[in-house]
Amino acid sequence: PARWVPQALSLAADLSSLDSKMYGAFWCSHCYDQKQSLGSEAMRAIPYVECDRDGYRTQRDLCRAKDVPGYPTWEIGGELFPGERSVDELREIVDGVLAKRK
């Protein structure tokens, strides 16, 4: 929704500063929904890692090395957070990681 745009862009900037990534698969409906909830502008700031061997520009070996448990999975501040998350949930995770770094 359009009302999330400022929050999503602010969140994307913080996710980017924490070297965050979203791991997913091209066939994953929850991954698609996750991208939609953040919006295309915010998602441009966040690296997306394709884990399926048949996916475009697959990085399957990285997904295996990171032991990604399912899709989508967020890597934020070096920690994995599996599952589709709302903007508010991602904000809470990011704020927690940022607080630990102070």
C-alpha atoms as a PDB file:
ATOM      1  CA  PRO A   1       0.000   0.000   0.000  1.00  0.00           C
ATOM      2  CA  ALA A   2       1.069   3.545  -0.732  1.00  0.00           C
ATOM      3  CA  ARG A   3       0.896   4.513   2.950  1.00  0.00           C
ATOM      4  CA  TRP A   4       3.896   2.237   3.575  1.00  0.00           C
ATOM      5  CA  VAL A   5       6.167   3.946   1.050  1.00  0.00           C
ATOM      6  CA  PRO A   6       8.006   6.351   3.435  1.00  0.00           C
ATOM      7  CA  GLN A   7       8.362   3.635   6.103  1.00  0.00           C
ATOM      8  CA  ALA A   8       9.499   1.062   3.523  1.00  0.00           C
ATOM      9  CA  LEU A   9      12.131   3.417   2.083  1.00  0.00           C
ATOM     10  CA  SER A  10      13.443   4.292   5.551  1.00  0.00           C
ATOM     11  CA  LEU A  11      13.503   0.584   6.416  1.00  0.00           C
ATOM     12  CA  ALA A  12      15.314  -0.232   3.147  1.00  0.00           C
ATOM     13  CA  ALA A  13      17.998   2.350   3.948  1.00  0.00           C
ATOM     14  CA  ASP A  14      18.571   0.798   7.378  1.00  0.00           C
ATOM     15  CA  LEU A  15      18.515  -2.740   5.962  1.00  0.00           C
ATOM     16  CA  SER A  16      21.096  -1.669   3.399  1.00  0.00           C
ATOM     17  CA  SER A  17      23.310  -0.121   6.100  1.00  0.00           C
ATOM     18  CA  LEU A  18      23.242  -3.484   7.916  1.00  0.00           C
ATOM     19  CA  ASP A  19      24.310  -5.333   4.728  1.00  0.00           C
ATOM     20  CA  SER A  20      20.968  -7.173   4.714  1.00  0.00           C
ATOM     21  CA  LYS A  21      19.788  -9.607   2.058  1.00  0.00           C
ATOM     22  CA  MET A  22      16.565 -11.347   1.206  1.00  0.00           C
ATOM     23  CA  TYR A  23      16.931 -15.003   0.205  1.00  0.00           C
ATOM     24  CA  GLY A  24      14.184 -16.504  -1.916  1.00  0.00           C
ATOM     25  CA  ALA A  25      13.131 -18.559  -4.910  1.00  0.00           C
ATOM     26  CA  PHE A  26      11.447 -17.418  -8.101  1.00  0.00           C
ATOM     27  CA  TRP A  27       8.492 -19.767  -7.562  1.00  0.00           C
ATOM     28  CA  CYS A  28       7.902 -18.699  -3.933  1.00  0.00           C
ATOM     29  CA  SER A  29       4.595 -16.855  -3.494  1.00  0.00           C
ATOM     30  CA  HIS A  30       5.596 -15.573  -0.042  1.00  0.00           C
ATOM     31  CA  CYS A  31       8.771 -14.069  -1.562  1.00  0.00           C
ATOM     32  CA  TYR A  32       6.653 -12.310  -4.172  1.00  0.00           C
ATOM     33  CA  ASP A  33       4.292 -11.032  -1.468  1.00  0.00           C
ATOM     34  CA  GLN A  34       7.272  -9.873   0.620  1.00  0.00           C
ATOM     35  CA  LYS A  35       8.649  -7.855  -2.305  1.00  0.00           C
ATOM     36  CA  GLN A  36       5.183  -6.389  -2.970  1.00  0.00           C
ATOM     37  CA  SER A  37       4.735  -5.366   0.678  1.00  0.00           C
ATOM     38  CA  LEU A  38       7.976  -3.352   0.571  1.00  0.00           C
ATOM     39  CA  GLY A  39       7.529  -2.039  -2.959  1.00  0.00           C
ATOM     40  CA  SER A  40       9.869  -1.979  -5.928  1.00  0.00           C
ATOM     41  CA  GLU A  41      11.681   1.212  -4.912  1.00  0.00           C
ATOM     42  CA  ALA A  42      12.589  -0.157  -1.479  1.00  0.00           C
ATOM     43  CA  MET A  43      13.526  -3.573  -2.899  1.00  0.00           C
ATOM     44  CA  ARG A  44      16.036  -1.942  -5.262  1.00  0.00           C
ATOM     45  CA  ALA A  45      18.084  -1.010  -2.171  1.00  0.00           C
ATOM     46  CA  ILE A  46      18.040  -4.554  -0.744  1.00  0.00           C
ATOM     47  CA  PRO A  47      19.982  -7.387  -2.394  1.00  0.00           C
ATOM     48  CA  TYR A  48      17.783 -10.306  -3.401  1.00  0.00           C
ATOM     49  CA  VAL A  49      19.521 -13.689  -3.490  1.00  0.00           C
ATOM     50  CA  GLU A  50      17.940 -16.330  -5.756  1.00  0.00           C
ATOM     51  CA  CYS A  51      18.341 -19.768  -4.168  1.00  0.00           C
ATOM     52  CA  ASP A  52      16.659 -22.087  -6.685  1.00  0.00           C
ATOM     53  CA  ARG A  53      19.066 -23.758  -9.097  1.00  0.00           C
ATOM     54  CA  ASP A  54      16.767 -22.913 -12.018  1.00  0.00           C
ATOM     55  CA  GLY A  55      16.328 -19.277 -10.982  1.00  0.00           C
ATOM     56  CA  TYR A  56      17.753 -16.265 -12.782  1.00  0.00           C
ATOM     57  CA  ARG A  57      21.310 -15.526 -11.581  1.00  0.00           C
ATOM     58  CA  THR A  58      21.058 -18.288  -8.990  1.00  0.00           C
ATOM     59  CA  GLN A  59      23.327 -18.134  -5.963  1.00  0.00           C
ATOM     60  CA  ARG A  60      22.384 -21.578  -4.703  1.00  0.00           C
ATOM     61  CA  ASP A  61      25.834 -22.234  -3.255  1.00  0.00           C
ATOM     62  CA  LEU A  62      25.607 -19.091  -1.099  1.00  0.00           C
ATOM     63  CA  CYS A  63      22.158 -20.142   0.136  1.00  0.00           C
ATOM     64  CA  ARG A  64      23.533 -23.568   1.067  1.00  0.00           C
ATOM     65  CA  ALA A  65      26.602 -22.056   2.748  1.00  0.00           C
ATOM     66  CA  LYS A  66      24.347 -19.764   4.816  1.00  0.00           C
ATOM     67  CA  ASP A  67      22.049 -22.724   5.618  1.00  0.00           C
ATOM     68  CA  VAL A  68      18.954 -20.763   4.544  1.00  0.00           C
ATOM     69  CA  PRO A  69      16.048 -22.660   6.166  1.00  0.00           C
ATOM     70  CA  GLY A  70      13.229 -21.568   3.820  1.00  0.00           C
ATOM     71  CA  TYR A  71      11.894 -18.739   1.689  1.00  0.00           C
ATOM     72  CA  PRO A  72      11.851 -15.923   2.184  1.00  0.00           C
ATOM     73  CA  THR A  73      14.635 -15.598   4.733  1.00  0.00           C
ATOM     74  CA  TRP A  74      16.122 -12.262   5.723  1.00  0.00           C
ATOM     75  CA  GLU A  75      19.759 -11.868   6.683  1.00  0.00           C
ATOM     76  CA  ILE A  76      20.009  -8.768   8.867  1.00  0.00           C
ATOM     77  CA  GLY A  77      23.201  -7.874  10.674  1.00  0.00           C
ATOM     78  CA  GLY A  78      24.592 -11.342   9.979  1.00  0.00           C
ATOM     79  CA  GLU A  79      21.601 -13.142  11.554  1.00  0.00           C
ATOM     80  CA  LEU A  80      18.932 -15.126   9.665  1.00  0.00           C
ATOM     81  CA  PHE A  81      15.229 -14.358  10.127  1.00  0.00           C
ATOM     82  CA  PRO A  82      13.072 -16.869   8.215  1.00  0.00           C
ATOM     83  CA  GLY A  83       9.561 -16.111   7.024  1.00  0.00           C
ATOM     84  CA  GLU A  84       7.598 -13.358   5.378  1.00  0.00           C
ATOM     85  CA  ARG A  85       7.651 -10.260   7.593  1.00  0.00           C
ATOM     86  CA  SER A  86       5.529  -7.141   7.707  1.00  0.00           C
ATOM     87  CA  VAL A  87       7.171  -3.727   7.436  1.00  0.00           C
ATOM     88  CA  ASP A  88       6.576  -3.301  11.185  1.00  0.00           C
ATOM     89  CA  GLU A  89       8.164  -6.676  12.007  1.00  0.00           C
ATOM     90  CA  LEU A  90      11.212  -5.891   9.881  1.00  0.00           C
ATOM     91  CA  ARG A  91      11.471  -2.472  11.561  1.00  0.00           C
ATOM     92  CA  GLU A  92      11.484  -4.151  15.007  1.00  0.00           C
ATOM     93  CA  ILE A  93      14.237  -6.573  13.922  1.00  0.00           C
ATOM     94  CA  VAL A  94      16.318  -3.757  12.409  1.00  0.00           C
ATOM     95  CA  ASP A  95      15.891  -1.535  15.470  1.00  0.00           C
ATOM     96  CA  GLY A  96      16.964  -4.441  17.702  1.00  0.00           C
ATOM     97  CA  VAL A  97      20.088  -5.107  15.632  1.00  0.00           C
ATOM     98  CA  LEU A  98      20.944  -1.395  15.520  1.00  0.00           C
ATOM     99  CA  ALA A  99      20.477  -1.110  19.309  1.00  0.00           C
ATOM    100  CA  LYS A 100      22.942  -3.985  19.876  1.00  0.00           C
ATOM    101  CA  ARG A 101      25.542  -2.136  17.814  1.00  0.00           C
ATOM    102  CA  LYS A 102      25.447   1.079  19.869  1.00  0.00           C
END
